[in-house]
């Protein structure tokens, strides 16, 4: 179980750590920057599709390990009391962060699916759908960023 937790908690310790804190956040940021080209050109390159699959993998790996940890009865770190009312990061425990963590995970999953829909001409014409690609990828980057933030920091009502 410890190896699953370690895989789930993979983080980058870089000077840009707040912007690129996890592989998912980094992949979403690259996808956002890259999405500007299809929005302008009106066509998706094969390399963009490959990077989208890399982003799916960067999402699914922590998602699956998170589900396994949840089935083991664990909660997000900011909602877990390790003693004296503190989380493992030394902040006050905030149990409401567990649900918030899952909400942002659902938003990223929905965003990834919406990107697939926009690229595939299922709902709207491809040229029209690709114009919304930067907006969806920026939203996804923000949600991926919040997944990590919610896991570490308490909210406005710690202890509730």
N, C-alpha and C. Protein backbone atom coordinates (compact mmCIF):
# COMPACT_ATOMS: atom_id res chain seq x y z
N UNK A 1 0.83 -1.19 0.00
CA UNK A 1 0.00 0.00 0.00
C UNK A 1 0.88 1.27 0.00
N UNK A 2 2.04 1.15 0.62
CA UNK A 2 2.93 2.31 0.67
C UNK A 2 3.43 2.69 -0.72
N UNK A 3 3.68 1.71 -1.57
CA UNK A 3 4.14 2.02 -2.94
C UNK A 3 3.03 2.69 -3.74
N UNK A 4 1.78 2.31 -3.52
CA UNK A 4 0.65 2.96 -4.19
C UNK A 4 0.54 4.40 -3.71
N UNK A 5 0.68 4.62 -2.41
CA UNK A 5 0.62 5.98 -1.86
C UNK A 5 1.75 6.84 -2.42
N UNK A 6 2.93 6.28 -2.51
CA UNK A 6 4.08 7.02 -3.04
C UNK A 6 3.85 7.38 -4.52
N UNK A 7 3.29 6.46 -5.28
CA UNK A 7 2.98 6.71 -6.68
C UNK A 7 1.90 7.78 -6.82
N UNK A 8 0.90 7.73 -5.95
CA UNK A 8 -0.18 8.70 -5.97
C UNK A 8 0.30 10.11 -5.59
N UNK A 9 1.24 10.19 -4.66
CA UNK A 9 1.72 11.48 -4.14
C UNK A 9 2.92 12.03 -4.88
N UNK A 10 3.18 11.56 -6.09
CA UNK A 10 4.33 12.02 -6.86
C UNK A 10 4.24 13.52 -7.10
N UNK A 11 5.28 14.24 -6.69
CA UNK A 11 5.33 15.70 -6.82
C UNK A 11 6.69 16.12 -7.33
N UNK A 12 6.72 17.27 -8.01
CA UNK A 12 7.97 17.85 -8.48
C UNK A 12 8.45 18.90 -7.48
N UNK A 13 9.71 18.84 -7.10
CA UNK A 13 10.30 19.86 -6.25
C UNK A 13 11.20 20.73 -7.12
N UNK A 14 10.58 21.70 -7.78
CA UNK A 14 11.32 22.60 -8.66
C UNK A 14 11.01 24.04 -8.24
N UNK A 15 11.79 24.99 -8.73
CA UNK A 15 11.46 26.39 -8.44
C UNK A 15 10.08 26.79 -8.97
N UNK A 16 9.63 26.12 -10.02
CA UNK A 16 8.30 26.37 -10.56
C UNK A 16 7.28 25.40 -9.97
N UNK A 17 7.57 24.88 -8.79
CA UNK A 17 6.74 23.86 -8.17
C UNK A 17 5.28 24.22 -8.03
N UNK A 18 4.97 25.48 -7.80
CA UNK A 18 3.57 25.85 -7.65
C UNK A 18 2.82 25.78 -8.98
N UNK A 19 3.53 26.04 -10.08
CA UNK A 19 2.89 25.97 -11.39
C UNK A 19 2.95 24.58 -12.00
N UNK A 20 3.97 23.81 -11.63
CA UNK A 20 4.18 22.48 -12.18
C UNK A 20 4.36 21.47 -11.06
N UNK A 21 3.42 21.43 -10.13
CA UNK A 21 3.61 20.64 -8.92
C UNK A 21 3.53 19.14 -9.13
N UNK A 22 2.74 18.68 -10.08
CA UNK A 22 2.60 17.25 -10.34
C UNK A 22 2.70 16.99 -11.84
N UNK A 23 2.88 15.73 -12.24
CA UNK A 23 2.90 15.42 -13.67
C UNK A 23 1.60 15.83 -14.38
N UNK A 24 0.47 15.69 -13.70
CA UNK A 24 -0.80 16.07 -14.32
C UNK A 24 -0.86 17.58 -14.55
N UNK A 25 -0.43 18.37 -13.59
CA UNK A 25 -0.45 19.83 -13.75
C UNK A 25 0.48 20.24 -14.89
N UNK A 26 1.66 19.64 -14.95
CA UNK A 26 2.61 19.95 -16.03
C UNK A 26 2.03 19.57 -17.39
N UNK A 27 1.41 18.40 -17.48
CA UNK A 27 0.83 17.95 -18.74
C UNK A 27 -0.32 18.86 -19.16
N UNK A 28 -1.13 19.31 -18.21
CA UNK A 28 -2.25 20.20 -18.53
C UNK A 28 -1.75 21.57 -18.98
N UNK A 29 -0.69 22.07 -18.38
CA UNK A 29 -0.14 23.35 -18.78
C UNK A 29 0.41 23.28 -20.21
N UNK A 30 1.13 22.22 -20.52
CA UNK A 30 1.64 22.04 -21.89
C UNK A 30 0.47 21.91 -22.87
N UNK A 31 -0.56 21.18 -22.48
CA UNK A 31 -1.72 21.01 -23.36
C UNK A 31 -2.42 22.35 -23.59
N UNK A 32 -2.49 23.19 -22.56
CA UNK A 32 -3.11 24.51 -22.73
C UNK A 32 -2.33 25.35 -23.74
N UNK A 33 -1.02 25.42 -23.57
CA UNK A 33 -0.20 26.21 -24.49
C UNK A 33 -0.32 25.65 -25.90
N UNK A 34 -0.30 24.34 -26.00
CA UNK A 34 -0.37 23.68 -27.30
C UNK A 34 -1.74 23.84 -27.95
N UNK A 35 -2.79 24.03 -27.16
CA UNK A 35 -4.15 24.12 -27.71
C UNK A 35 -4.39 25.41 -28.47
N UNK A 36 -3.52 26.37 -28.30
CA UNK A 36 -3.69 27.63 -29.03
C UNK A 36 -3.53 27.42 -30.54
N UNK A 37 -2.62 26.55 -30.94
CA UNK A 37 -2.38 26.30 -32.37
C UNK A 37 -3.61 25.68 -33.05
N UNK A 38 -4.23 24.62 -32.52
CA UNK A 38 -5.42 24.09 -33.17
C UNK A 38 -6.58 25.09 -33.19
N UNK A 39 -6.66 25.93 -32.16
CA UNK A 39 -7.73 26.92 -32.13
C UNK A 39 -7.56 27.94 -33.25
N UNK A 40 -6.33 28.28 -33.55
CA UNK A 40 -6.06 29.26 -34.61
C UNK A 40 -6.13 28.61 -35.99
N UNK A 41 -5.50 27.43 -36.13
CA UNK A 41 -5.45 26.76 -37.44
C UNK A 41 -6.76 26.10 -37.82
N UNK A 42 -7.50 25.61 -36.83
CA UNK A 42 -8.73 24.89 -37.12
C UNK A 42 -8.52 23.43 -37.41
N UNK A 43 -7.31 22.92 -37.09
CA UNK A 43 -7.00 21.50 -37.32
C UNK A 43 -6.10 21.02 -36.18
N UNK A 44 -6.24 19.75 -35.86
CA UNK A 44 -5.47 19.15 -34.78
C UNK A 44 -4.35 18.31 -35.37
N UNK A 45 -3.14 18.53 -34.90
CA UNK A 45 -2.00 17.75 -35.38
C UNK A 45 -1.94 16.40 -34.66
N UNK A 46 -1.34 15.40 -35.27
CA UNK A 46 -1.19 14.10 -34.61
C UNK A 46 -0.40 14.20 -33.31
N UNK A 47 0.58 15.10 -33.26
CA UNK A 47 1.37 15.23 -32.04
C UNK A 47 0.53 15.79 -30.89
N UNK A 48 -0.46 16.65 -31.19
CA UNK A 48 -1.36 17.14 -30.15
C UNK A 48 -2.18 15.99 -29.58
N UNK A 49 -2.63 15.11 -30.46
CA UNK A 49 -3.40 13.94 -30.00
C UNK A 49 -2.55 13.03 -29.13
N UNK A 50 -1.28 12.88 -29.49
CA UNK A 50 -0.37 12.07 -28.67
C UNK A 50 -0.22 12.71 -27.29
N UNK A 51 -0.03 14.04 -27.24
CA UNK A 51 0.12 14.69 -25.94
C UNK A 51 -1.17 14.61 -25.13
N UNK A 52 -2.31 14.62 -25.80
CA UNK A 52 -3.57 14.44 -25.09
C UNK A 52 -3.61 13.06 -24.43
N UNK A 53 -3.10 12.04 -25.12
CA UNK A 53 -3.04 10.69 -24.53
C UNK A 53 -2.07 10.66 -23.35
N UNK A 54 -0.97 11.40 -23.45
CA UNK A 54 -0.03 11.50 -22.32
C UNK A 54 -0.74 12.16 -21.13
N UNK A 55 -1.54 13.17 -21.40
CA UNK A 55 -2.30 13.84 -20.33
C UNK A 55 -3.31 12.88 -19.71
N UNK A 56 -3.97 12.08 -20.54
CA UNK A 56 -4.88 11.05 -20.01
C UNK A 56 -4.12 10.11 -19.06
N UNK A 57 -2.93 9.69 -19.47
CA UNK A 57 -2.14 8.79 -18.62
C UNK A 57 -1.73 9.49 -17.33
N UNK A 58 -1.33 10.76 -17.43
CA UNK A 58 -0.95 11.52 -16.24
C UNK A 58 -2.14 11.72 -15.31
N UNK A 59 -3.35 11.68 -15.84
CA UNK A 59 -4.55 11.76 -15.01
C UNK A 59 -4.92 10.40 -14.43
N UNK A 60 -4.91 9.37 -15.27
CA UNK A 60 -5.41 8.06 -14.84
C UNK A 60 -4.53 7.39 -13.79
N UNK A 61 -3.23 7.59 -13.86
CA UNK A 61 -2.34 6.96 -12.89
C UNK A 61 -2.65 7.40 -11.45
N UNK A 62 -2.69 8.71 -11.15
CA UNK A 62 -3.06 9.08 -9.78
C UNK A 62 -4.53 8.83 -9.48
N UNK A 63 -5.39 8.86 -10.49
CA UNK A 63 -6.81 8.61 -10.24
C UNK A 63 -7.04 7.16 -9.80
N UNK A 64 -6.44 6.23 -10.52
CA UNK A 64 -6.61 4.82 -10.16
C UNK A 64 -5.98 4.52 -8.81
N UNK A 65 -4.79 5.04 -8.56
CA UNK A 65 -4.16 4.82 -7.26
C UNK A 65 -4.96 5.50 -6.15
N UNK A 66 -5.57 6.65 -6.45
CA UNK A 66 -6.42 7.32 -5.47
C UNK A 66 -7.65 6.51 -5.12
N UNK A 67 -8.25 5.89 -6.13
CA UNK A 67 -9.40 5.02 -5.88
C UNK A 67 -8.98 3.83 -5.02
N UNK A 68 -7.82 3.25 -5.32
CA UNK A 68 -7.34 2.13 -4.50
C UNK A 68 -7.10 2.55 -3.06
N UNK A 69 -6.53 3.73 -2.87
CA UNK A 69 -6.32 4.24 -1.51
C UNK A 69 -7.65 4.51 -0.80
N UNK A 70 -8.62 5.02 -1.54
CA UNK A 70 -9.94 5.27 -0.97
C UNK A 70 -10.61 3.97 -0.56
N UNK A 71 -10.49 2.95 -1.40
CA UNK A 71 -11.06 1.65 -1.04
C UNK A 71 -10.39 1.05 0.19
N UNK A 72 -9.18 1.49 0.47
CA UNK A 72 -8.47 1.07 1.67
C UNK A 72 -8.86 1.91 2.89
N UNK A 73 -9.74 2.89 2.68
CA UNK A 73 -10.25 3.70 3.79
C UNK A 73 -9.48 4.98 4.03
N UNK A 74 -8.61 5.36 3.13
CA UNK A 74 -7.84 6.58 3.33
C UNK A 74 -8.55 7.78 2.71
N UNK A 75 -8.18 8.95 3.21
CA UNK A 75 -8.71 10.21 2.68
C UNK A 75 -7.55 11.07 2.24
N UNK A 76 -7.88 12.20 1.62
CA UNK A 76 -6.86 13.13 1.17
C UNK A 76 -6.06 13.62 2.39
N UNK A 77 -4.77 13.94 2.17
CA UNK A 77 -3.87 14.27 3.28
C UNK A 77 -4.37 15.42 4.14
N UNK A 78 -4.97 16.45 3.54
CA UNK A 78 -5.43 17.59 4.32
C UNK A 78 -6.64 17.26 5.18
N UNK A 79 -7.28 16.13 4.93
CA UNK A 79 -8.44 15.71 5.71
C UNK A 79 -8.10 14.59 6.70
N UNK A 80 -6.84 14.20 6.77
CA UNK A 80 -6.43 13.09 7.64
C UNK A 80 -5.66 13.62 8.84
N UNK A 81 -6.15 13.29 10.01
CA UNK A 81 -5.51 13.71 11.26
C UNK A 81 -4.41 12.73 11.62
N UNK A 82 -3.18 13.23 11.70
CA UNK A 82 -2.05 12.38 12.10
C UNK A 82 -1.67 12.61 13.55
N UNK A 83 -2.42 13.43 14.24
CA UNK A 83 -2.18 13.69 15.65
C UNK A 83 -2.23 15.18 15.96
N UNK A 84 -2.81 15.50 17.09
CA UNK A 84 -2.92 16.89 17.57
C UNK A 84 -3.69 17.80 16.61
N UNK A 85 -4.60 17.23 15.83
CA UNK A 85 -5.42 18.03 14.92
C UNK A 85 -4.70 18.56 13.71
N UNK A 86 -3.55 17.97 13.38
CA UNK A 86 -2.76 18.42 12.23
C UNK A 86 -2.70 17.35 11.15
N UNK A 87 -2.59 17.80 9.91
CA UNK A 87 -2.40 16.88 8.79
C UNK A 87 -0.92 16.52 8.70
N UNK A 88 -0.58 15.63 7.77
CA UNK A 88 0.82 15.22 7.66
C UNK A 88 1.72 16.34 7.13
N UNK A 89 1.12 17.41 6.62
CA UNK A 89 1.90 18.57 6.18
C UNK A 89 1.99 19.65 7.26
N UNK A 90 1.42 19.40 8.44
CA UNK A 90 1.53 20.33 9.56
C UNK A 90 0.46 21.40 9.60
N UNK A 91 -0.56 21.30 8.78
CA UNK A 91 -1.66 22.27 8.76
C UNK A 91 -2.84 21.70 9.53
N UNK A 92 -3.78 22.56 9.97
CA UNK A 92 -4.99 22.04 10.63
C UNK A 92 -5.78 21.13 9.69
N UNK A 93 -6.36 20.09 10.26
CA UNK A 93 -7.13 19.12 9.47
C UNK A 93 -8.44 19.75 9.01
N UNK A 94 -8.80 19.51 7.78
CA UNK A 94 -10.05 20.02 7.20
C UNK A 94 -10.74 18.88 6.44
N UNK A 95 -11.65 18.14 7.10
CA UNK A 95 -12.31 16.99 6.45
C UNK A 95 -13.10 17.35 5.20
N UNK A 96 -13.54 18.60 5.08
CA UNK A 96 -14.32 18.97 3.89
C UNK A 96 -13.46 18.94 2.63
N UNK A 97 -12.14 18.94 2.76
CA UNK A 97 -11.26 18.94 1.60
C UNK A 97 -11.31 17.62 0.84
N UNK A 98 -11.72 16.54 1.47
CA UNK A 98 -11.79 15.26 0.79
C UNK A 98 -12.79 15.31 -0.36
N UNK A 99 -13.99 15.81 -0.09
CA UNK A 99 -15.00 15.94 -1.15
C UNK A 99 -14.59 16.93 -2.23
N UNK A 100 -13.93 18.00 -1.81
CA UNK A 100 -13.47 19.00 -2.76
C UNK A 100 -12.40 18.41 -3.70
N UNK A 101 -11.54 17.57 -3.15
CA UNK A 101 -10.52 16.91 -3.95
C UNK A 101 -11.17 16.07 -5.05
N UNK A 102 -12.19 15.30 -4.70
CA UNK A 102 -12.88 14.46 -5.67
C UNK A 102 -13.65 15.30 -6.69
N UNK A 103 -14.16 16.46 -6.27
CA UNK A 103 -14.87 17.34 -7.19
C UNK A 103 -13.93 17.82 -8.30
N UNK A 104 -12.72 18.25 -7.93
CA UNK A 104 -11.77 18.71 -8.94
C UNK A 104 -11.31 17.57 -9.84
N UNK A 105 -11.20 16.38 -9.30
CA UNK A 105 -10.87 15.21 -10.12
C UNK A 105 -11.96 14.98 -11.17
N UNK A 106 -13.21 15.12 -10.76
CA UNK A 106 -14.33 14.96 -11.70
C UNK A 106 -14.30 16.04 -12.78
N UNK A 107 -13.92 17.27 -12.41
CA UNK A 107 -13.83 18.35 -13.39
C UNK A 107 -12.73 18.07 -14.42
N UNK A 108 -11.60 17.54 -13.99
CA UNK A 108 -10.53 17.22 -14.93
C UNK A 108 -10.96 16.09 -15.85
N UNK A 109 -11.61 15.08 -15.30
CA UNK A 109 -12.12 13.98 -16.13
C UNK A 109 -13.12 14.50 -17.16
N UNK A 110 -14.04 15.35 -16.73
CA UNK A 110 -15.01 15.94 -17.66
C UNK A 110 -14.34 16.79 -18.72
N UNK A 111 -13.31 17.53 -18.34
CA UNK A 111 -12.59 18.36 -19.30
C UNK A 111 -11.88 17.51 -20.35
N UNK A 112 -11.24 16.44 -19.91
CA UNK A 112 -10.57 15.55 -20.86
C UNK A 112 -11.57 14.96 -21.84
N UNK A 113 -12.73 14.56 -21.34
CA UNK A 113 -13.75 14.02 -22.21
C UNK A 113 -14.27 15.09 -23.18
N UNK A 114 -14.46 16.32 -22.69
CA UNK A 114 -14.95 17.39 -23.55
C UNK A 114 -13.93 17.73 -24.64
N UNK A 115 -12.66 17.66 -24.34
CA UNK A 115 -11.63 17.88 -25.36
C UNK A 115 -11.76 16.82 -26.45
N UNK A 116 -11.96 15.57 -26.05
CA UNK A 116 -12.16 14.51 -27.04
C UNK A 116 -13.39 14.78 -27.91
N UNK A 117 -14.46 15.27 -27.30
CA UNK A 117 -15.68 15.57 -28.04
C UNK A 117 -15.45 16.73 -29.00
N UNK A 118 -14.77 17.77 -28.54
CA UNK A 118 -14.51 18.94 -29.39
C UNK A 118 -13.63 18.58 -30.58
N UNK A 119 -12.72 17.66 -30.39
CA UNK A 119 -11.83 17.26 -31.48
C UNK A 119 -12.50 16.29 -32.45
N UNK A 120 -13.53 15.61 -32.01
CA UNK A 120 -14.09 14.53 -32.80
C UNK A 120 -15.33 14.85 -33.60
N UNK A 121 -15.78 16.09 -33.64
CA UNK A 121 -16.96 16.51 -34.40
C UNK A 121 -18.22 15.76 -33.98
N UNK A 122 -18.35 15.43 -32.73
CA UNK A 122 -19.54 14.72 -32.29
C UNK A 122 -20.67 15.68 -31.94
N UNK A 123 -20.35 16.80 -31.33
CA UNK A 123 -21.36 17.75 -30.88
C UNK A 123 -21.47 18.95 -31.81
N UNK A 124 -20.33 19.50 -32.17
CA UNK A 124 -20.28 20.69 -33.03
C UNK A 124 -19.25 20.45 -34.13
N UNK A 125 -19.28 21.29 -35.14
CA UNK A 125 -18.30 21.19 -36.20
C UNK A 125 -16.90 21.36 -35.61
N UNK A 126 -15.94 20.64 -36.17
CA UNK A 126 -14.58 20.64 -35.62
C UNK A 126 -14.00 22.05 -35.55
N UNK A 127 -14.18 22.84 -36.58
CA UNK A 127 -13.61 24.19 -36.60
C UNK A 127 -14.19 25.05 -35.47
N UNK A 128 -15.47 24.91 -35.22
CA UNK A 128 -16.11 25.66 -34.14
C UNK A 128 -15.66 25.11 -32.78
N UNK A 129 -15.61 23.81 -32.64
CA UNK A 129 -15.23 23.19 -31.37
C UNK A 129 -13.80 23.49 -30.97
N UNK A 130 -12.90 23.56 -31.96
CA UNK A 130 -11.49 23.81 -31.64
C UNK A 130 -11.26 25.22 -31.12
N UNK A 131 -12.16 26.12 -31.39
CA UNK A 131 -12.04 27.48 -30.84
C UNK A 131 -12.17 27.49 -29.33
N UNK A 132 -12.90 26.52 -28.79
CA UNK A 132 -13.10 26.44 -27.35
C UNK A 132 -12.01 25.63 -26.64
N UNK A 133 -11.14 25.03 -27.41
CA UNK A 133 -10.09 24.19 -26.85
C UNK A 133 -9.20 24.90 -25.83
N UNK A 134 -8.71 26.10 -26.09
CA UNK A 134 -7.89 26.78 -25.07
C UNK A 134 -8.66 27.05 -23.77
N UNK A 135 -9.93 27.37 -23.88
CA UNK A 135 -10.74 27.63 -22.70
C UNK A 135 -10.89 26.37 -21.84
N UNK A 136 -11.17 25.26 -22.50
CA UNK A 136 -11.35 24.00 -21.77
C UNK A 136 -10.03 23.54 -21.14
N UNK A 137 -8.93 23.69 -21.89
CA UNK A 137 -7.64 23.25 -21.34
C UNK A 137 -7.16 24.16 -20.21
N UNK A 138 -7.47 25.46 -20.28
CA UNK A 138 -7.13 26.36 -19.17
C UNK A 138 -7.93 26.00 -17.93
N UNK A 139 -9.21 25.71 -18.10
CA UNK A 139 -10.05 25.26 -16.98
C UNK A 139 -9.49 23.97 -16.38
N UNK A 140 -9.09 23.05 -17.26
CA UNK A 140 -8.54 21.78 -16.80
C UNK A 140 -7.24 22.00 -16.03
N UNK A 141 -6.38 22.90 -16.50
CA UNK A 141 -5.14 23.21 -15.79
C UNK A 141 -5.45 23.76 -14.40
N UNK A 142 -6.43 24.65 -14.30
CA UNK A 142 -6.80 25.20 -13.00
C UNK A 142 -7.32 24.13 -12.06
N UNK A 143 -8.12 23.23 -12.56
CA UNK A 143 -8.65 22.14 -11.73
C UNK A 143 -7.54 21.19 -11.30
N UNK A 144 -6.62 20.87 -12.22
CA UNK A 144 -5.49 19.99 -11.87
C UNK A 144 -4.63 20.65 -10.80
N UNK A 145 -4.41 21.95 -10.91
CA UNK A 145 -3.66 22.69 -9.90
C UNK A 145 -4.37 22.60 -8.55
N UNK A 146 -5.69 22.76 -8.56
CA UNK A 146 -6.47 22.73 -7.32
C UNK A 146 -6.51 21.34 -6.70
N UNK A 147 -6.39 20.29 -7.49
CA UNK A 147 -6.34 18.93 -6.93
C UNK A 147 -5.18 18.83 -5.94
N UNK A 148 -4.01 19.29 -6.35
CA UNK A 148 -2.85 19.25 -5.47
C UNK A 148 -2.95 20.22 -4.31
N UNK A 149 -3.49 21.40 -4.56
CA UNK A 149 -3.60 22.41 -3.51
C UNK A 149 -4.55 21.95 -2.41
N UNK A 150 -5.69 21.38 -2.82
CA UNK A 150 -6.68 20.90 -1.87
C UNK A 150 -6.13 19.72 -1.06
N UNK A 151 -5.27 18.92 -1.68
CA UNK A 151 -4.72 17.76 -0.97
C UNK A 151 -3.77 18.17 0.14
N UNK A 152 -3.16 19.34 0.02
CA UNK A 152 -2.13 19.75 0.97
C UNK A 152 -2.62 20.79 1.97
N UNK A 153 -3.28 21.83 1.49
CA UNK A 153 -3.64 22.96 2.33
C UNK A 153 -5.06 22.86 2.87
N UNK A 154 -5.30 23.36 4.08
CA UNK A 154 -6.67 23.38 4.61
C UNK A 154 -7.47 24.47 3.94
N UNK A 155 -8.78 24.36 4.05
CA UNK A 155 -9.67 25.37 3.48
C UNK A 155 -9.92 26.49 4.46
N UNK A 156 -11.01 27.20 4.25
CA UNK A 156 -11.33 28.33 5.11
C UNK A 156 -11.96 27.90 6.43
N UNK A 157 -12.36 26.63 6.53
CA UNK A 157 -13.00 26.14 7.76
C UNK A 157 -12.33 24.88 8.28
N UNK A 158 -11.05 24.96 8.68
CA UNK A 158 -10.41 23.74 9.19
C UNK A 158 -11.10 23.23 10.44
N UNK A 159 -11.17 21.93 10.54
CA UNK A 159 -11.78 21.31 11.70
C UNK A 159 -13.25 20.99 11.54
N UNK A 160 -13.87 21.41 10.42
CA UNK A 160 -15.29 21.11 10.24
C UNK A 160 -15.49 19.98 9.27
